[in-house]
Amino acid sequence: MKIIPYKEAKDNCLDSFTRQYVFTLLKKSNGNVSLAARLSHLTRAALLKIMRRYAIDGNQFRE
């Protein structure tokens, strides 16, 4: 069993959580970033910054 450094493990968990959280928000809001931001109590700009960081396109969640 390989043990990775704590920081790397923490970063991996945080990345996974953030990506899943944003995907859930965008699914619930049908890709509406403004609504997703309100649901998460983030500003639209903050949510867009996270989406850019993880290369998440809100349009893929629109029906």
C-alpha atoms as a PDB file:
ATOM      1  CA  MET A   1       0.000   0.000   0.000  1.00  0.00           C
ATOM      2  CA  LYS A   2       1.476   3.308  -1.105  1.00  0.00           C
ATOM      3  CA  ILE A   3       1.077   6.276   1.219  1.00  0.00           C
ATOM      4  CA  ILE A   4       0.992   9.645  -0.486  1.00  0.00           C
ATOM      5  CA  PRO A   5       1.926  12.890   1.252  1.00  0.00           C
ATOM      6  CA  TYR A   6      -0.813  14.475   3.372  1.00  0.00           C
ATOM      7  CA  LYS A   7      -1.035  17.647   1.254  1.00  0.00           C
ATOM      8  CA  GLU A   8      -1.433  15.651  -1.947  1.00  0.00           C
ATOM      9  CA  ALA A   9      -4.136  13.473  -0.385  1.00  0.00           C
ATOM     10  CA  LYS A  10      -5.945  16.544   0.969  1.00  0.00           C
ATOM     11  CA  ASP A  11      -5.753  18.332  -2.396  1.00  0.00           C
ATOM     12  CA  ASN A  12      -7.134  15.242  -4.151  1.00  0.00           C
ATOM     13  CA  CYS A  13     -10.077  15.077  -1.728  1.00  0.00           C
ATOM     14  CA  LEU A  14     -10.791  18.776  -2.032  1.00  0.00           C
ATOM     15  CA  ASP A  15     -10.655  18.648  -5.831  1.00  0.00           C
ATOM     16  CA  SER A  16     -13.013  15.687  -5.914  1.00  0.00           C
ATOM     17  CA  PHE A  17     -15.444  17.340  -3.478  1.00  0.00           C
ATOM     18  CA  THR A  18     -15.415  20.662  -5.339  1.00  0.00           C
ATOM     19  CA  ARG A  19     -15.984  19.078  -8.734  1.00  0.00           C
ATOM     20  CA  GLN A  20     -18.854  16.915  -7.431  1.00  0.00           C
ATOM     21  CA  TYR A  21     -20.414  19.856  -5.546  1.00  0.00           C
ATOM     22  CA  VAL A  22     -20.381  22.107  -8.625  1.00  0.00           C
ATOM     23  CA  PHE A  23     -21.760  19.304 -10.821  1.00  0.00           C
ATOM     24  CA  THR A  24     -24.631  18.815  -8.348  1.00  0.00           C
ATOM     25  CA  LEU A  25     -25.366  22.552  -8.259  1.00  0.00           C
ATOM     26  CA  LEU A  26     -25.412  22.815 -12.028  1.00  0.00           C
ATOM     27  CA  LYS A  27     -27.612  19.736 -12.407  1.00  0.00           C
ATOM     28  CA  LYS A  28     -30.146  21.140  -9.922  1.00  0.00           C
ATOM     29  CA  SER A  29     -30.125  24.528 -11.664  1.00  0.00           C
ATOM     30  CA  ASN A  30     -30.164  23.075 -15.206  1.00  0.00           C
ATOM     31  CA  GLY A  31     -26.906  24.864 -15.968  1.00  0.00           C
ATOM     32  CA  ASN A  32     -28.102  28.251 -14.688  1.00  0.00           C
ATOM     33  CA  VAL A  33     -24.932  29.615 -13.090  1.00  0.00           C
ATOM     34  CA  SER A  34     -26.699  32.517 -11.348  1.00  0.00           C
ATOM     35  CA  LEU A  35     -29.160  30.143  -9.683  1.00  0.00           C
ATOM     36  CA  ALA A  36     -26.384  27.699  -8.777  1.00  0.00           C
ATOM     37  CA  ALA A  37     -24.449  30.545  -7.161  1.00  0.00           C
ATOM     38  CA  ARG A  38     -27.475  31.574  -5.112  1.00  0.00           C
ATOM     39  CA  LEU A  39     -28.081  27.984  -3.995  1.00  0.00           C
ATOM     40  CA  SER A  40     -24.483  27.688  -2.808  1.00  0.00           C
ATOM     41  CA  HIS A  41     -24.334  31.159  -1.226  1.00  0.00           C
ATOM     42  CA  LEU A  42     -21.426  32.056  -3.509  1.00  0.00           C
ATOM     43  CA  THR A  43     -21.196  35.044  -5.776  1.00  0.00           C
ATOM     44  CA  ARG A  44     -21.665  34.288  -9.459  1.00  0.00           C
ATOM     45  CA  ALA A  45     -18.085  35.454 -10.058  1.00  0.00           C
ATOM     46  CA  ALA A  46     -16.724  33.071  -7.394  1.00  0.00           C
ATOM     47  CA  LEU A  47     -18.622  30.126  -8.878  1.00  0.00           C
ATOM     48  CA  LEU A  48     -17.439  30.979 -12.386  1.00  0.00           C
ATOM     49  CA  LYS A  49     -13.846  31.118 -11.114  1.00  0.00           C
ATOM     50  CA  ILE A  50     -14.228  27.613  -9.651  1.00  0.00           C
ATOM     51  CA  MET A  51     -15.817  26.390 -12.875  1.00  0.00           C
ATOM     52  CA  ARG A  52     -12.927  27.783 -14.928  1.00  0.00           C
ATOM     53  CA  ARG A  53     -10.377  26.208 -12.567  1.00  0.00           C
ATOM     54  CA  TYR A  54     -11.952  22.781 -13.131  1.00  0.00           C
ATOM     55  CA  ALA A  55     -12.877  23.363 -16.805  1.00  0.00           C
ATOM     56  CA  ILE A  56     -16.591  22.857 -16.081  1.00  0.00           C
ATOM     57  CA  ASP A  57     -18.977  24.187 -18.723  1.00  0.00           C
ATOM     58  CA  GLY A  58     -22.436  25.049 -17.404  1.00  0.00           C
ATOM     59  CA  ASN A  59     -23.944  24.540 -20.867  1.00  0.00           C
ATOM     60  CA  GLN A  60     -23.509  20.775 -20.609  1.00  0.00           C
ATOM     61  CA  PHE A  61     -26.127  20.771 -17.824  1.00  0.00           C
ATOM     62  CA  ARG A  62     -28.834  22.597 -19.768  1.00  0.00           C
ATOM     63  CA  GLU A  63     -31.809  20.607 -20.930  1.00  0.00           C
END
